[in-house]
Amino acid sequence: MGHGAFTYALLEALRLSGERNCATVERLGQYLRDRVPQLCGQYGKVPEQRPRIGADPAEKLHFILQPSRATLADIALLRTDAYEAEVEGKLELAEQIWIRVVVAAQGRDMTALRALQRIAGLRAQGGWGQQGEQQARQEAEATGARDVVVSWSRSQSHNQWRWSGLFLGWN
């Protein structure tokens, strides 16, 4: 094998293409959860490794790791996550996700570019308001986004930066 089971499976996953590709964090995690124990059994590795993946916030599971292998469905899922973050007033998270949409779409997603402009305008105005919420909701409906959660409150904390991260490993 030449590597540990986890490293071998990770490198193998990053080379997959087509329907089985591991372009997103979620698909990579699923592949590793299935493949690493299989490799441990095949090569008699003890103790058996059991990979796990976690993301904070959960939307990061949909992040695209390999933009060149992303499907339209991957990009659509990211768009929905971005709309949800935006209408919930999580502007930093929304901005991060919209940037990932732009990258995955190779700069050709005008909806994402407009969303980034909208967020920049909201920042310049000092935050999120009902006008921004309504604008994001209309944009989501116009592009056919489904299950966009619209919840808005005037809490002081809705514009605060929140730590987020991605964990990939095994136990």
C-alpha atoms as a PDB file:
ATOM      1  CA  MET A   1       0.000   0.000   0.000  1.00  0.00           C
ATOM      2  CA  GLY A   2       2.871   2.417   0.734  1.00  0.00           C
ATOM      3  CA  HIS A   3       0.791   4.679   3.038  1.00  0.00           C
ATOM      4  CA  GLY A   4      -1.474   4.321   6.022  1.00  0.00           C
ATOM      5  CA  ALA A   5      -5.055   3.298   5.246  1.00  0.00           C
ATOM      6  CA  PHE A   6      -6.412   6.816   5.772  1.00  0.00           C
ATOM      7  CA  THR A   7      -3.811   8.503   3.549  1.00  0.00           C
ATOM      8  CA  TYR A   8      -4.161   5.843   0.877  1.00  0.00           C
ATOM      9  CA  ALA A   9      -7.960   6.226   0.812  1.00  0.00           C
ATOM     10  CA  LEU A  10      -7.720  10.030   0.818  1.00  0.00           C
ATOM     11  CA  LEU A  11      -5.366  10.091  -2.171  1.00  0.00           C
ATOM     12  CA  GLU A  12      -7.534   7.503  -3.924  1.00  0.00           C
ATOM     13  CA  ALA A  13     -10.665   9.594  -3.280  1.00  0.00           C
ATOM     14  CA  LEU A  14      -9.134  12.749  -4.711  1.00  0.00           C
ATOM     15  CA  ARG A  15      -8.420  10.937  -7.986  1.00  0.00           C
ATOM     16  CA  LEU A  16     -11.986   9.661  -8.469  1.00  0.00           C
ATOM     17  CA  SER A  17     -14.001  11.194 -11.286  1.00  0.00           C
ATOM     18  CA  GLY A  18     -17.497  10.967 -12.715  1.00  0.00           C
ATOM     19  CA  GLU A  19     -20.459  10.098 -10.511  1.00  0.00           C
ATOM     20  CA  ARG A  20     -18.204   8.711  -7.794  1.00  0.00           C
ATOM     21  CA  ASN A  21     -16.064  11.854  -7.447  1.00  0.00           C
ATOM     22  CA  CYS A  22     -15.359  13.284  -4.018  1.00  0.00           C
ATOM     23  CA  ALA A  23     -15.675  16.941  -4.996  1.00  0.00           C
ATOM     24  CA  THR A  24     -17.524  17.885  -1.785  1.00  0.00           C
ATOM     25  CA  VAL A  25     -16.592  17.503   1.868  1.00  0.00           C
ATOM     26  CA  GLU A  26     -19.686  15.357   2.406  1.00  0.00           C
ATOM     27  CA  ARG A  27     -18.864  12.882  -0.391  1.00  0.00           C
ATOM     28  CA  LEU A  28     -15.218  12.710   0.643  1.00  0.00           C
ATOM     29  CA  GLY A  29     -16.276  11.931   4.205  1.00  0.00           C
ATOM     30  CA  GLN A  30     -18.632   9.189   3.083  1.00  0.00           C
ATOM     31  CA  TYR A  31     -15.984   7.656   0.849  1.00  0.00           C
ATOM     32  CA  LEU A  32     -13.427   7.640   3.676  1.00  0.00           C
ATOM     33  CA  ARG A  33     -15.937   6.154   6.149  1.00  0.00           C
ATOM     34  CA  ASP A  34     -16.527   3.268   3.739  1.00  0.00           C
ATOM     35  CA  ARG A  35     -13.062   2.762   2.249  1.00  0.00           C
ATOM     36  CA  VAL A  36     -10.673   3.068   5.227  1.00  0.00           C
ATOM     37  CA  PRO A  37     -12.170   0.181   7.263  1.00  0.00           C
ATOM     38  CA  GLN A  38     -12.231  -1.878   4.060  1.00  0.00           C
ATOM     39  CA  LEU A  39      -8.505  -1.222   3.504  1.00  0.00           C
ATOM     40  CA  CYS A  40      -7.713  -1.983   7.165  1.00  0.00           C
ATOM     41  CA  GLY A  41      -9.415  -5.363   6.803  1.00  0.00           C
ATOM     42  CA  GLN A  42      -7.795  -6.084   3.459  1.00  0.00           C
ATOM     43  CA  TYR A  43      -4.259  -5.335   4.724  1.00  0.00           C
ATOM     44  CA  GLY A  44      -4.705  -6.556   8.313  1.00  0.00           C
ATOM     45  CA  LYS A  45      -4.212  -3.096   9.853  1.00  0.00           C
ATOM     46  CA  VAL A  46      -4.859  -3.124  13.603  1.00  0.00           C
ATOM     47  CA  PRO A  47      -6.468  -1.236  15.190  1.00  0.00           C
ATOM     48  CA  GLU A  48      -8.985  -0.567  12.460  1.00  0.00           C
ATOM     49  CA  GLN A  49      -9.337   3.118  11.634  1.00  0.00           C
ATOM     50  CA  ARG A  50     -12.792   4.658  11.517  1.00  0.00           C
ATOM     51  CA  PRO A  51     -12.690   8.073   9.792  1.00  0.00           C
ATOM     52  CA  ARG A  52     -15.116  10.739  10.799  1.00  0.00           C
ATOM     53  CA  ILE A  53     -15.865  14.126   9.407  1.00  0.00           C
ATOM     54  CA  GLY A  54     -17.474  17.097  11.022  1.00  0.00           C
ATOM     55  CA  ALA A  55     -18.115  20.633   9.947  1.00  0.00           C
ATOM     56  CA  ASP A  56     -19.039  23.751  11.877  1.00  0.00           C
ATOM     57  CA  PRO A  57     -21.362  25.083  10.661  1.00  0.00           C
ATOM     58  CA  ALA A  58     -22.979  22.087   8.985  1.00  0.00           C
ATOM     59  CA  GLU A  59     -23.208  23.961   5.658  1.00  0.00           C
ATOM     60  CA  LYS A  60     -19.478  23.348   5.246  1.00  0.00           C
ATOM     61  CA  LEU A  61     -20.246  19.704   4.461  1.00  0.00           C
ATOM     62  CA  HIS A  62     -21.434  20.981   1.074  1.00  0.00           C
ATOM     63  CA  PHE A  63     -18.229  22.906   0.394  1.00  0.00           C
ATOM     64  CA  ILE A  64     -16.614  21.995  -2.871  1.00  0.00           C
ATOM     65  CA  LEU A  65     -13.044  20.782  -2.501  1.00  0.00           C
ATOM     66  CA  GLN A  66     -12.418  20.175  -6.198  1.00  0.00           C
ATOM     67  CA  PRO A  67     -14.183  22.855  -8.261  1.00  0.00           C
ATOM     68  CA  SER A  68     -13.218  21.226 -11.569  1.00  0.00           C
ATOM     69  CA  ARG A  69     -15.168  18.107 -10.562  1.00  0.00           C
ATOM     70  CA  ALA A  70     -18.203  19.827  -9.069  1.00  0.00           C
ATOM     71  CA  THR A  71     -21.585  18.977 -10.537  1.00  0.00           C
ATOM     72  CA  LEU A  72     -24.427  21.413 -11.149  1.00  0.00           C
ATOM     73  CA  ALA A  73     -26.208  19.775  -8.207  1.00  0.00           C
ATOM     74  CA  ASP A  74     -23.190  20.521  -5.969  1.00  0.00           C
ATOM     75  CA  ILE A  75     -23.298  24.183  -6.983  1.00  0.00           C
ATOM     76  CA  ALA A  76     -27.079  24.380  -6.523  1.00  0.00           C
ATOM     77  CA  LEU A  77     -26.770  22.989  -3.000  1.00  0.00           C
ATOM     78  CA  LEU A  78     -24.120  25.583  -2.168  1.00  0.00           C
ATOM     79  CA  ARG A  79     -26.373  28.325  -3.544  1.00  0.00           C
ATOM     80  CA  THR A  80     -29.190  27.209  -1.265  1.00  0.00           C
ATOM     81  CA  ASP A  81     -26.824  27.222   1.724  1.00  0.00           C
ATOM     82  CA  ALA A  82     -25.658  30.731   0.792  1.00  0.00           C
ATOM     83  CA  TYR A  83     -29.232  32.043   0.553  1.00  0.00           C
ATOM     84  CA  GLU A  84     -30.092  30.496   3.915  1.00  0.00           C
ATOM     85  CA  ALA A  85     -27.061  32.059   5.583  1.00  0.00           C
ATOM     86  CA  GLU A  86     -27.840  35.403   4.012  1.00  0.00           C
ATOM     87  CA  VAL A  87     -31.480  35.563   5.018  1.00  0.00           C
ATOM     88  CA  GLU A  88     -30.535  34.464   8.540  1.00  0.00           C
ATOM     89  CA  GLY A  89     -28.220  37.469   8.719  1.00  0.00           C
ATOM     90  CA  LYS A  90     -25.007  35.401   8.765  1.00  0.00           C
ATOM     91  CA  LEU A  91     -23.310  37.672   6.270  1.00  0.00           C
ATOM     92  CA  GLU A  92     -19.751  36.404   6.741  1.00  0.00           C
ATOM     93  CA  LEU A  93     -20.818  32.797   6.207  1.00  0.00           C
ATOM     94  CA  ALA A  94     -23.000  33.776   3.250  1.00  0.00           C
ATOM     95  CA  GLU A  95     -20.087  35.641   1.698  1.00  0.00           C
ATOM     96  CA  GLN A  96     -17.765  32.635   2.128  1.00  0.00           C
ATOM     97  CA  ILE A  97     -20.294  30.332   0.485  1.00  0.00           C
ATOM     98  CA  TRP A  98     -21.070  32.729  -2.393  1.00  0.00           C
ATOM     99  CA  ILE A  99     -17.338  32.994  -3.104  1.00  0.00           C
ATOM    100  CA  ARG A 100     -17.188  29.203  -3.309  1.00  0.00           C
ATOM    101  CA  VAL A 101     -20.114  29.257  -5.753  1.00  0.00           C
ATOM    102  CA  VAL A 102     -18.241  31.739  -7.949  1.00  0.00           C
ATOM    103  CA  VAL A 103     -15.107  29.588  -7.891  1.00  0.00           C
ATOM    104  CA  ALA A 104     -16.991  26.344  -8.620  1.00  0.00           C
ATOM    105  CA  ALA A 105     -18.867  28.033 -11.478  1.00  0.00           C
ATOM    106  CA  GLN A 106     -15.572  29.410 -12.816  1.00  0.00           C
ATOM    107  CA  GLY A 107     -16.727  33.003 -12.389  1.00  0.00           C
ATOM    108  CA  ARG A 108     -19.825  32.574 -14.562  1.00  0.00           C
ATOM    109  CA  ASP A 109     -22.540  32.626 -11.882  1.00  0.00           C
ATOM    110  CA  MET A 110     -24.133  36.061 -12.080  1.00  0.00           C
ATOM    111  CA  THR A 111     -26.486  35.255  -9.187  1.00  0.00           C
ATOM    112  CA  ALA A 112     -23.501  34.702  -6.895  1.00  0.00           C
ATOM    113  CA  LEU A 113     -21.754  37.838  -8.121  1.00  0.00           C
ATOM    114  CA  ARG A 114     -24.910  39.900  -7.461  1.00  0.00           C
ATOM    115  CA  ALA A 115     -25.174  38.341  -4.002  1.00  0.00           C
ATOM    116  CA  LEU A 116     -21.602  39.355  -3.189  1.00  0.00           C
ATOM    117  CA  GLN A 117     -22.388  42.911  -4.299  1.00  0.00           C
ATOM    118  CA  ARG A 118     -25.541  42.864  -2.148  1.00  0.00           C
ATOM    119  CA  ILE A 119     -23.553  41.727   0.904  1.00  0.00           C
ATOM    120  CA  ALA A 120     -20.933  44.418   0.304  1.00  0.00           C
ATOM    121  CA  GLY A 121     -23.743  46.979   0.164  1.00  0.00           C
ATOM    122  CA  LEU A 122     -25.213  45.675   3.407  1.00  0.00           C
ATOM    123  CA  ARG A 123     -21.836  45.966   5.100  1.00  0.00           C
ATOM    124  CA  ALA A 124     -21.493  49.536   3.875  1.00  0.00           C
ATOM    125  CA  GLN A 125     -24.936  50.325   5.337  1.00  0.00           C
ATOM    126  CA  GLY A 126     -23.927  48.836   8.657  1.00  0.00           C
ATOM    127  CA  GLY A 127     -25.804  45.571   8.602  1.00  0.00           C
ATOM    128  CA  TRP A 128     -28.812  43.580   7.640  1.00  0.00           C
ATOM    129  CA  GLY A 129     -32.360  44.848   7.482  1.00  0.00           C
ATOM    130  CA  GLN A 130     -35.735  43.845   6.142  1.00  0.00           C
ATOM    131  CA  GLN A 131     -34.831  45.277   2.739  1.00  0.00           C
ATOM    132  CA  GLY A 132     -31.796  42.968   2.503  1.00  0.00           C
ATOM    133  CA  GLU A 133     -33.857  39.999   3.646  1.00  0.00           C
ATOM    134  CA  GLN A 134     -36.539  40.693   1.056  1.00  0.00           C
ATOM    135  CA  GLN A 135     -33.954  41.159  -1.694  1.00  0.00           C
ATOM    136  CA  ALA A 136     -32.263  37.827  -0.860  1.00  0.00           C
ATOM    137  CA  ARG A 137     -35.611  36.026  -0.706  1.00  0.00           C
ATOM    138  CA  GLN A 138     -36.683  37.409  -4.104  1.00  0.00           C
ATOM    139  CA  GLU A 139     -33.368  36.410  -5.643  1.00  0.00           C
ATOM    140  CA  ALA A 140     -33.701  32.902  -4.207  1.00  0.00           C
ATOM    141  CA  GLU A 141     -37.225  32.499  -5.554  1.00  0.00           C
ATOM    142  CA  ALA A 142     -36.239  33.872  -8.965  1.00  0.00           C
ATOM    143  CA  THR A 143     -33.483  31.290  -9.369  1.00  0.00           C
ATOM    144  CA  GLY A 144     -35.604  28.392  -8.151  1.00  0.00           C
ATOM    145  CA  ALA A 145     -33.828  27.791  -4.839  1.00  0.00           C
ATOM    146  CA  ARG A 146     -35.800  25.409  -2.675  1.00  0.00           C
ATOM    147  CA  ASP A 147     -36.188  25.183   1.059  1.00  0.00           C
ATOM    148  CA  VAL A 148     -34.782  28.613   1.728  1.00  0.00           C
ATOM    149  CA  VAL A 149     -35.326  29.261   5.397  1.00  0.00           C
ATOM    150  CA  VAL A 150     -36.266  32.853   5.993  1.00  0.00           C
ATOM    151  CA  SER A 151     -35.829  33.826   9.605  1.00  0.00           C
ATOM    152  CA  TRP A 152     -34.809  37.290  10.616  1.00  0.00           C
ATOM    153  CA  SER A 153     -34.518  39.002  13.941  1.00  0.00           C
ATOM    154  CA  ARG A 154     -33.144  42.269  15.219  1.00  0.00           C
ATOM    155  CA  SER A 155     -30.730  40.660  17.655  1.00  0.00           C
ATOM    156  CA  GLN A 156     -27.459  42.441  18.291  1.00  0.00           C
ATOM    157  CA  SER A 157     -25.495  39.270  17.535  1.00  0.00           C
ATOM    158  CA  HIS A 158     -26.776  38.436  14.050  1.00  0.00           C
ATOM    159  CA  ASN A 159     -23.933  40.334  12.373  1.00  0.00           C
ATOM    160  CA  GLN A 160     -21.150  39.140  14.629  1.00  0.00           C
ATOM    161  CA  TRP A 161     -18.397  37.029  13.186  1.00  0.00           C
ATOM    162  CA  ARG A 162     -18.592  33.396  14.266  1.00  0.00           C
ATOM    163  CA  TRP A 163     -15.784  30.883  14.187  1.00  0.00           C
ATOM    164  CA  SER A 164     -16.296  28.089  11.755  1.00  0.00           C
ATOM    165  CA  GLY A 165     -14.105  25.231  10.767  1.00  0.00           C
ATOM    166  CA  LEU A 166     -13.797  21.883   9.120  1.00  0.00           C
ATOM    167  CA  PHE A 167     -12.462  18.744  10.723  1.00  0.00           C
ATOM    168  CA  LEU A 168     -11.262  15.760   8.771  1.00  0.00           C
ATOM    169  CA  GLY A 169      -9.675  12.853  10.595  1.00  0.00           C
ATOM    170  CA  TRP A 170     -10.151   9.521  12.219  1.00  0.00           C
ATOM    171  CA  ASN A 171     -10.444   7.999  15.660  1.00  0.00           C
END
